[in-house]
Amino acid sequence: MSRAKRPIPISVKVNSLVVWEYLIRQNLTQSELANRLGICSGYMSQLMGGSRGPSPKIRRKMLEVLSPLSFGELFILSRMSRSSL
């Protein structure tokens, strides 16, 4: 009897280069973006620095606020190794 394999979790990170380009073009600061997203500037800094990944709720809000950017432009997906779990 074979066991079903568990899916490998996916890590989602903010593509900070794309977000920075957007902010520059819109003449916005990272702090202003945090306010528009309804998050604190410290959490925004962690998202931009890659030390934290955005929750599904924040990903949806970022897609709304940073329109017309797409999911593929805003976020970087990577597989997490089983050893990092």
C-alpha atoms as a PDB file:
ATOM      1  CA  MET A   1       0.000   0.000   0.000  1.00  0.00           C
ATOM      2  CA  SER A   2       1.598   3.294  -1.038  1.00  0.00           C
ATOM      3  CA  ARG A   3       1.356   6.442   0.996  1.00  0.00           C
ATOM      4  CA  ALA A   4       0.172   9.664  -0.598  1.00  0.00           C
ATOM      5  CA  LYS A   5       2.909  12.243  -0.863  1.00  0.00           C
ATOM      6  CA  ARG A   6       2.348  15.474   0.979  1.00  0.00           C
ATOM      7  CA  PRO A   7       2.619  18.564  -1.184  1.00  0.00           C
ATOM      8  CA  ILE A   8       5.720  20.678  -0.743  1.00  0.00           C
ATOM      9  CA  PRO A   9       4.780  24.028   0.818  1.00  0.00           C
ATOM     10  CA  ILE A  10       5.243  27.150  -1.257  1.00  0.00           C
ATOM     11  CA  SER A  11       6.843  30.307   0.096  1.00  0.00           C
ATOM     12  CA  VAL A  12       5.503  33.644  -1.175  1.00  0.00           C
ATOM     13  CA  LYS A  13       7.669  36.762  -0.963  1.00  0.00           C
ATOM     14  CA  VAL A  14       7.173  40.314  -2.192  1.00  0.00           C
ATOM     15  CA  ASN A  15       9.098  41.230  -5.345  1.00  0.00           C
ATOM     16  CA  SER A  16      10.529  44.362  -3.733  1.00  0.00           C
ATOM     17  CA  LEU A  17      12.232  45.601  -6.904  1.00  0.00           C
ATOM     18  CA  VAL A  18       8.882  45.778  -8.714  1.00  0.00           C
ATOM     19  CA  VAL A  19       7.203  47.421  -5.714  1.00  0.00           C
ATOM     20  CA  TRP A  20       9.988  50.009  -5.405  1.00  0.00           C
ATOM     21  CA  GLU A  21       9.697  50.858  -9.114  1.00  0.00           C
ATOM     22  CA  TYR A  22       5.944  51.293  -8.686  1.00  0.00           C
ATOM     23  CA  LEU A  23       6.408  53.533  -5.634  1.00  0.00           C
ATOM     24  CA  ILE A  24       8.941  55.704  -7.443  1.00  0.00           C
ATOM     25  CA  ARG A  25       6.679  56.075 -10.497  1.00  0.00           C
ATOM     26  CA  GLN A  26       3.706  56.958  -8.266  1.00  0.00           C
ATOM     27  CA  ASN A  27       5.806  59.259  -6.048  1.00  0.00           C
ATOM     28  CA  LEU A  28       4.861  57.265  -2.939  1.00  0.00           C
ATOM     29  CA  THR A  29       6.860  56.197   0.092  1.00  0.00           C
ATOM     30  CA  GLN A  30       6.987  52.749   1.627  1.00  0.00           C
ATOM     31  CA  SER A  31       5.224  54.211   4.666  1.00  0.00           C
ATOM     32  CA  GLU A  32       2.397  55.574   2.500  1.00  0.00           C
ATOM     33  CA  LEU A  33       1.988  52.148   0.924  1.00  0.00           C
ATOM     34  CA  ALA A  34       1.814  50.576   4.389  1.00  0.00           C
ATOM     35  CA  ASN A  35      -0.965  53.027   5.312  1.00  0.00           C
ATOM     36  CA  ARG A  36      -2.900  52.169   2.155  1.00  0.00           C
ATOM     37  CA  LEU A  37      -2.546  48.470   2.936  1.00  0.00           C
ATOM     38  CA  GLY A  38      -3.649  48.971   6.544  1.00  0.00           C
ATOM     39  CA  ILE A  39      -0.430  47.578   8.016  1.00  0.00           C
ATOM     40  CA  CYS A  40       2.306  49.084  10.163  1.00  0.00           C
ATOM     41  CA  SER A  41       5.471  50.382   8.558  1.00  0.00           C
ATOM     42  CA  GLY A  42       7.575  47.779  10.416  1.00  0.00           C
ATOM     43  CA  TYR A  43       5.640  44.899   8.843  1.00  0.00           C
ATOM     44  CA  MET A  44       5.913  46.613   5.445  1.00  0.00           C
ATOM     45  CA  SER A  45       9.676  46.832   5.935  1.00  0.00           C
ATOM     46  CA  GLN A  46       9.839  43.110   6.752  1.00  0.00           C
ATOM     47  CA  LEU A  47       7.828  42.297   3.619  1.00  0.00           C
ATOM     48  CA  MET A  48      10.077  44.444   1.436  1.00  0.00           C
ATOM     49  CA  GLY A  49      13.229  43.009   3.023  1.00  0.00           C
ATOM     50  CA  GLY A  50      12.071  39.434   2.514  1.00  0.00           C
ATOM     51  CA  SER A  51      12.201  38.390   6.167  1.00  0.00           C
ATOM     52  CA  ARG A  52       8.425  37.800   6.152  1.00  0.00           C
ATOM     53  CA  GLY A  53       5.980  36.704   3.522  1.00  0.00           C
ATOM     54  CA  PRO A  54       2.622  38.396   3.016  1.00  0.00           C
ATOM     55  CA  SER A  55      -0.522  36.662   4.257  1.00  0.00           C
ATOM     56  CA  PRO A  56      -3.245  35.851   1.715  1.00  0.00           C
ATOM     57  CA  LYS A  57      -5.211  38.876   2.979  1.00  0.00           C
ATOM     58  CA  ILE A  58      -2.240  41.209   2.439  1.00  0.00           C
ATOM     59  CA  ARG A  59      -1.554  39.691  -0.999  1.00  0.00           C
ATOM     60  CA  ARG A  60      -5.147  40.463  -2.040  1.00  0.00           C
ATOM     61  CA  LYS A  61      -4.870  44.011  -0.674  1.00  0.00           C
ATOM     62  CA  MET A  62      -1.529  44.563  -2.462  1.00  0.00           C
ATOM     63  CA  LEU A  63      -3.066  43.435  -5.754  1.00  0.00           C
ATOM     64  CA  GLU A  64      -5.888  45.923  -5.210  1.00  0.00           C
ATOM     65  CA  VAL A  65      -3.702  48.869  -4.134  1.00  0.00           C
ATOM     66  CA  LEU A  66      -0.877  48.256  -6.631  1.00  0.00           C
ATOM     67  CA  SER A  67      -3.155  47.745  -9.627  1.00  0.00           C
ATOM     68  CA  PRO A  68      -2.497  47.181 -12.542  1.00  0.00           C
ATOM     69  CA  LEU A  69       0.414  44.984 -11.356  1.00  0.00           C
ATOM     70  CA  SER A  70      -0.332  41.245 -11.489  1.00  0.00           C
ATOM     71  CA  PHE A  71       0.308  38.486  -8.956  1.00  0.00           C
ATOM     72  CA  GLY A  72       3.214  37.227 -11.062  1.00  0.00           C
ATOM     73  CA  GLU A  73       4.810  40.672 -11.040  1.00  0.00           C
ATOM     74  CA  LEU A  74       4.287  41.421  -7.335  1.00  0.00           C
ATOM     75  CA  PHE A  75       5.216  38.104  -5.768  1.00  0.00           C
ATOM     76  CA  ILE A  76       7.970  35.522  -5.983  1.00  0.00           C
ATOM     77  CA  LEU A  77       6.994  31.897  -5.366  1.00  0.00           C
ATOM     78  CA  SER A  78       9.481  29.281  -4.258  1.00  0.00           C
ATOM     79  CA  ARG A  79       9.263  25.763  -2.917  1.00  0.00           C
ATOM     80  CA  MET A  80      10.280  25.329   0.668  1.00  0.00           C
ATOM     81  CA  SER A  81      12.550  22.388   1.378  1.00  0.00           C
ATOM     82  CA  ARG A  82      11.185  19.833   3.802  1.00  0.00           C
ATOM     83  CA  SER A  83      14.187  20.455   6.078  1.00  0.00           C
ATOM     84  CA  SER A  84      13.176  24.112   6.575  1.00  0.00           C
ATOM     85  CA  LEU A  85       9.743  23.166   7.948  1.00  0.00           C
END
